[in-house]
């Protein structure tokens, strides 16, 4: 588990760098396009293709970062009604469903990368590059869902032991 945490720490650092660079790229392209349009009365047509693709990457990686913290999708109504064991089981079920969803993203992104032979209209970039961003996001989501589950399970292991001790004291 410590090895997985170390690997995930590196993954998160890489994701943060990619997210920061992607945001700077979008900012520079959008600002440059505005300046070009207002001052030179000429728009950069290629910026839309790049910013849309980069926004997909940003969205997918940011979803992975949110999943890492358990903040991607959270509705605690059912979880709040459960005890420690129930919370652990529910968390495990949530993780399984979310990892399956992430793997579907990876599968679909990979499939579309293989069959899509089209190119973007202005820059003529293969659209498979854009589908690759979906694959990256799916892998990121799956890794972070598993990491969140491992963290949750280990943190609640101690609480589960406390509950069992409490029940033994009440019985005695």
Protein backbone atom coordinates (compact mmCIF):
# COMPACT_ATOMS: atom_id res chain seq x y z
CA UNK A 1 0.00 0.00 0.00
CA UNK A 2 2.88 2.36 0.71
CA UNK A 3 4.24 1.72 -2.77
CA UNK A 4 0.85 2.52 -4.29
CA UNK A 5 0.70 5.76 -2.28
CA UNK A 6 4.17 6.75 -3.53
CA UNK A 7 3.22 5.99 -7.12
CA UNK A 8 0.00 7.97 -6.75
CA UNK A 9 1.92 10.88 -5.25
CA UNK A 10 4.04 11.02 -8.42
CA UNK A 11 0.92 10.67 -10.59
CA UNK A 12 -0.71 13.58 -8.77
CA UNK A 13 2.38 15.73 -9.20
CA UNK A 14 2.40 15.01 -12.94
CA UNK A 15 -1.33 15.72 -13.16
CA UNK A 16 -0.90 19.03 -11.34
CA UNK A 17 1.88 20.10 -13.70
CA UNK A 18 -0.17 19.09 -16.75
CA UNK A 19 -3.23 20.91 -15.38
CA UNK A 20 -1.22 24.06 -14.68
CA UNK A 21 0.42 24.04 -18.12
CA UNK A 22 -2.92 23.34 -19.80
CA UNK A 23 -4.55 26.26 -18.00
CA UNK A 24 -1.69 28.57 -18.99
CA UNK A 25 -1.96 27.37 -22.60
CA UNK A 26 -5.70 28.06 -22.71
CA UNK A 27 -5.18 31.47 -21.09
CA UNK A 28 -2.44 32.48 -23.53
CA UNK A 29 -4.32 31.24 -26.59
CA UNK A 30 -7.60 32.87 -25.58
CA UNK A 31 -5.98 36.16 -24.56
CA UNK A 32 -3.86 36.19 -27.72
CA UNK A 33 -6.93 35.55 -29.83
CA UNK A 34 -8.79 38.43 -28.18
CA UNK A 35 -5.84 40.78 -28.73
CA UNK A 36 -5.49 39.64 -32.36
CA UNK A 37 -9.19 40.12 -32.97
CA UNK A 38 -9.45 43.55 -31.29
CA UNK A 39 -6.18 45.10 -32.45
CA UNK A 40 -5.51 43.41 -35.79
CA UNK A 41 -9.13 42.56 -36.71
CA UNK A 42 -7.99 39.00 -37.43
CA UNK A 43 -8.99 36.00 -35.33
CA UNK A 44 -6.80 32.96 -34.78
CA UNK A 45 -8.99 30.15 -36.08
CA UNK A 46 -6.83 27.39 -34.66
CA UNK A 47 -7.35 28.45 -31.03
CA UNK A 48 -10.81 26.92 -30.85
CA UNK A 49 -9.56 23.47 -31.81
CA UNK A 50 -6.76 23.55 -29.29
CA UNK A 51 -8.76 25.05 -26.42
CA UNK A 52 -11.62 22.58 -26.82
CA UNK A 53 -9.22 19.65 -26.79
CA UNK A 54 -7.27 21.02 -23.84
CA UNK A 55 -10.49 21.71 -21.92
CA UNK A 56 -11.41 18.04 -22.33
CA UNK A 57 -8.03 17.09 -20.87
CA UNK A 58 -8.43 19.61 -18.04
CA UNK A 59 -11.93 18.34 -17.24
CA UNK A 60 -10.87 14.70 -17.17
CA UNK A 61 -7.74 15.26 -15.05
CA UNK A 62 -9.58 17.59 -12.68
CA UNK A 63 -12.26 14.92 -12.23
CA UNK A 64 -9.49 12.48 -11.29
CA UNK A 65 -8.07 14.91 -8.75
CA UNK A 66 -11.55 15.39 -7.28
CA UNK A 67 -12.06 11.62 -7.16
CA UNK A 68 -8.81 11.31 -5.23
CA UNK A 69 -10.27 13.39 -2.45
CA UNK A 70 -13.65 11.69 -2.62
CA UNK A 71 -15.25 14.92 -3.78
CA UNK A 72 -16.24 14.06 -7.33
CA UNK A 73 -19.74 12.78 -6.66
CA UNK A 74 -20.88 12.73 -3.11
CA UNK A 75 -24.35 12.19 -1.73
CA UNK A 76 -24.12 11.26 1.94
CA UNK A 77 -27.77 10.56 2.73
CA UNK A 78 -27.40 6.78 2.64
CA UNK A 79 -23.86 6.80 4.00
CA UNK A 80 -24.86 8.86 7.05
CA UNK A 81 -27.48 6.26 8.02
CA UNK A 82 -24.98 3.39 8.01
CA UNK A 83 -22.55 2.17 10.61
CA UNK A 84 -18.83 1.76 10.01
CA UNK A 85 -19.17 -1.67 8.35
CA UNK A 86 -21.99 -0.44 6.14
CA UNK A 87 -19.96 2.61 5.11
CA UNK A 88 -17.05 0.38 4.16
CA UNK A 89 -19.27 -1.89 2.06
CA UNK A 90 -20.97 1.09 0.40
CA UNK A 91 -17.59 2.68 -0.35
CA UNK A 92 -16.39 -0.57 -1.90
CA UNK A 93 -19.52 -0.81 -4.08
CA UNK A 94 -19.15 2.83 -5.14
CA UNK A 95 -15.54 2.21 -6.06
CA UNK A 96 -16.40 -0.85 -8.13
CA UNK A 97 -19.08 1.03 -10.08
CA UNK A 98 -16.82 4.07 -10.59
CA UNK A 99 -13.86 1.97 -11.71
CA UNK A 100 -16.11 0.12 -14.18
CA UNK A 101 -17.25 3.50 -15.52
CA UNK A 102 -13.63 4.62 -15.81
CA UNK A 103 -12.69 1.47 -17.67
CA UNK A 104 -15.61 2.04 -20.06
CA UNK A 105 -14.16 5.49 -20.75
CA UNK A 106 -10.76 3.92 -21.43
CA UNK A 107 -12.28 1.26 -23.67
CA UNK A 108 -14.44 3.69 -25.64
CA UNK A 109 -11.63 6.22 -25.97
CA UNK A 110 -9.24 3.54 -27.19
CA UNK A 111 -11.83 2.12 -29.57
CA UNK A 112 -12.57 5.53 -31.05
CA UNK A 113 -8.85 6.28 -31.34
CA UNK A 114 -8.46 3.17 -33.45
CA UNK A 115 -11.42 3.74 -35.78
CA UNK A 116 -11.43 7.54 -36.11
CA UNK A 117 -9.33 8.44 -39.13
CA UNK A 118 -10.54 12.02 -39.37
CA UNK A 119 -8.57 15.20 -38.82
CA UNK A 120 -9.42 18.56 -37.33
CA UNK A 121 -10.48 21.07 -39.98
CA UNK A 122 -7.93 23.84 -39.36
CA UNK A 123 -4.77 22.29 -37.91
CA UNK A 124 -5.32 18.84 -39.42
CA UNK A 125 -4.54 17.11 -36.15
CA UNK A 126 -5.72 13.51 -36.00
CA UNK A 127 -8.87 13.34 -33.89
CA UNK A 128 -7.43 10.24 -32.26
CA UNK A 129 -5.24 12.65 -30.28
CA UNK A 130 -8.37 14.18 -28.79
CA UNK A 131 -9.76 10.73 -27.95
CA UNK A 132 -6.48 9.95 -26.23
CA UNK A 133 -7.35 12.65 -23.68
CA UNK A 134 -10.45 10.61 -22.76
CA UNK A 135 -8.25 7.54 -22.25
CA UNK A 136 -5.89 9.54 -20.02
CA UNK A 137 -8.86 10.80 -18.02
CA UNK A 138 -10.33 7.32 -17.63
CA UNK A 139 -7.04 5.93 -16.35
CA UNK A 140 -6.67 8.88 -13.98
CA UNK A 141 -10.19 8.39 -12.65
CA UNK A 142 -9.71 4.66 -12.11
CA UNK A 143 -6.42 5.16 -10.27
CA UNK A 144 -7.89 7.85 -8.03
CA UNK A 145 -11.07 5.92 -7.28
CA UNK A 146 -8.96 2.97 -6.14
CA UNK A 147 -6.70 5.27 -4.12
CA UNK A 148 -9.71 6.89 -2.45
CA UNK A 149 -11.14 3.47 -1.60
CA UNK A 150 -7.86 2.24 -0.13
CA UNK A 151 -7.58 5.38 1.99
CA UNK A 152 -11.21 5.18 3.11
CA UNK A 153 -10.96 1.49 4.01
CA UNK A 154 -7.76 1.93 6.02
CA UNK A 155 -9.08 4.99 7.87
CA UNK A 156 -12.32 3.25 8.79
CA UNK A 157 -10.62 0.03 9.87
CA UNK A 158 -9.77 1.66 13.21
CA UNK A 159 -13.33 2.95 13.61
CA UNK A 160 -14.67 -0.54 12.93
CA UNK A 161 -12.47 -1.99 15.69
CA UNK A 162 -13.76 0.69 18.07
CA UNK A 163 -17.38 -0.19 17.23
CA UNK A 164 -16.70 -3.87 17.86
CA UNK A 165 -15.11 -3.08 21.24
CA UNK A 166 -18.07 -0.87 22.11
CA UNK A 167 -20.51 -3.69 21.28
CA UNK A 168 -18.52 -6.13 23.42
CA UNK A 169 -18.63 -3.71 26.37
CA UNK A 170 -22.40 -3.23 25.96
CA UNK A 171 -22.94 -7.01 25.85
CA UNK A 172 -20.81 -7.58 28.94
